[in-house]
Amino acid sequence: MKSIDRGELDLALKYQHRIFETWRKVGNPLFLADSMRKLGLIHYECGNWSQALTYSRQSLELRQQIGDPLWLSATLFDLIQFAFHYFMIRQ
């Protein structure tokens, strides 16, 4: 993701939470998993590591249940990227 100012990230997070709640109520697992992944990415950009991992892991589990290999691999890539950056920051 490109560099975004904090106000834009907060707004993105607000809207993505609304989208997440909508898909949760509708019960569409594909869109719910996508929304979880996007929440993970936004939290990652905000530096909220634990929330980024939580949403990304939930997305990963749901994608495994659905059997969605393309987006499963994208979510795994996100988790690897999060772990790498987290490790680099802690060095």
Protein backbone atom coordinates (compact mmCIF):
# COMPACT_ATOMS: atom_id res chain seq x y z
CA MET A 1 0.00 0.00 0.00
CA LYS A 2 1.15 3.52 -0.67
CA SER A 3 1.84 5.94 2.11
CA ILE A 4 -1.45 7.34 3.38
CA ASP A 5 -2.02 10.00 6.00
CA ARG A 6 -3.48 8.92 9.33
CA GLY A 7 -6.83 10.67 8.78
CA GLU A 8 -7.36 8.74 5.56
CA LEU A 9 -6.49 5.48 7.30
CA ASP A 10 -8.95 6.18 10.10
CA LEU A 11 -11.66 6.92 7.55
CA ALA A 12 -10.80 3.78 5.57
CA LEU A 13 -10.98 1.75 8.76
CA LYS A 14 -14.36 3.22 9.65
CA TYR A 15 -15.85 2.41 6.25
CA GLN A 16 -14.29 -1.02 6.06
CA HIS A 17 -15.76 -1.90 9.48
CA ARG A 18 -19.20 -0.93 8.12
CA ILE A 19 -18.64 -3.14 5.09
CA PHE A 20 -17.46 -5.98 7.33
CA GLU A 21 -20.59 -5.74 9.49
CA THR A 22 -22.80 -5.72 6.40
CA TRP A 23 -21.21 -8.89 5.00
CA ARG A 24 -21.31 -10.53 8.42
CA LYS A 25 -25.07 -9.89 8.62
CA VAL A 26 -25.66 -11.03 5.04
CA GLY A 27 -23.57 -14.14 5.64
CA ASN A 28 -21.63 -14.16 2.38
CA PRO A 29 -18.36 -15.94 3.27
CA LEU A 30 -16.44 -14.81 0.17
CA PHE A 31 -17.09 -11.13 0.75
CA LEU A 32 -16.68 -11.51 4.50
CA ALA A 33 -13.22 -13.04 4.02
CA ASP A 34 -12.32 -10.22 1.62
CA SER A 35 -13.48 -7.63 4.13
CA MET A 36 -11.43 -9.27 6.88
CA ARG A 37 -8.35 -9.21 4.65
CA LYS A 38 -8.84 -5.52 3.92
CA LEU A 39 -9.28 -4.76 7.62
CA GLY A 40 -6.02 -6.58 8.24
CA LEU A 41 -4.25 -4.52 5.60
CA ILE A 42 -5.57 -1.23 6.98
CA HIS A 43 -4.65 -2.16 10.56
CA TYR A 44 -1.20 -3.12 9.30
CA GLU A 45 -0.76 0.32 7.70
CA CYS A 46 -1.90 1.90 11.00
CA GLY A 47 0.70 -0.11 12.92
CA ASN A 48 -1.94 -2.12 14.78
CA TRP A 49 -0.03 -5.39 14.50
CA SER A 50 -2.23 -7.60 16.69
CA GLN A 51 -5.44 -6.47 14.96
CA ALA A 52 -3.85 -6.89 11.54
CA LEU A 53 -2.88 -10.45 12.42
CA THR A 54 -6.27 -11.22 13.95
CA TYR A 55 -8.25 -10.15 10.89
CA SER A 56 -5.79 -11.75 8.47
CA ARG A 57 -5.88 -15.06 10.33
CA GLN A 58 -9.68 -14.99 10.37
CA SER A 59 -9.68 -14.31 6.64
CA LEU A 60 -7.23 -17.17 6.13
CA GLU A 61 -9.38 -19.62 8.12
CA LEU A 62 -12.52 -18.64 6.24
CA ARG A 63 -10.78 -18.93 2.88
CA GLN A 64 -9.54 -22.40 3.85
CA GLN A 65 -13.13 -23.44 4.70
CA ILE A 66 -14.42 -22.03 1.42
CA GLY A 67 -11.63 -23.61 -0.60
CA ASP A 68 -10.54 -20.37 -2.28
CA PRO A 69 -6.92 -21.05 -3.33
CA LEU A 70 -6.22 -17.78 -5.15
CA TRP A 71 -7.23 -15.50 -2.28
CA LEU A 72 -5.90 -17.98 0.26
CA SER A 73 -2.45 -17.46 -1.23
CA ALA A 74 -2.91 -13.65 -1.19
CA THR A 75 -3.84 -13.77 2.49
CA LEU A 76 -0.84 -15.99 3.25
CA PHE A 77 1.36 -13.47 1.45
CA ASP A 78 -0.09 -10.69 3.64
CA LEU A 79 0.74 -12.65 6.79
CA ILE A 80 4.29 -13.27 5.59
CA GLN A 81 4.71 -9.57 4.80
CA PHE A 82 3.35 -8.58 8.23
CA ALA A 83 5.69 -11.00 9.98
CA PHE A 84 8.69 -9.83 7.96
CA HIS A 85 8.08 -6.15 8.69
CA TYR A 86 7.31 -6.85 12.33
CA PHE A 87 10.59 -8.79 12.65
CA MET A 88 12.56 -6.04 10.87
CA ILE A 89 11.14 -3.34 13.15
CA ARG A 90 12.01 -5.37 16.26
CA GLN A 91 15.67 -5.79 15.18
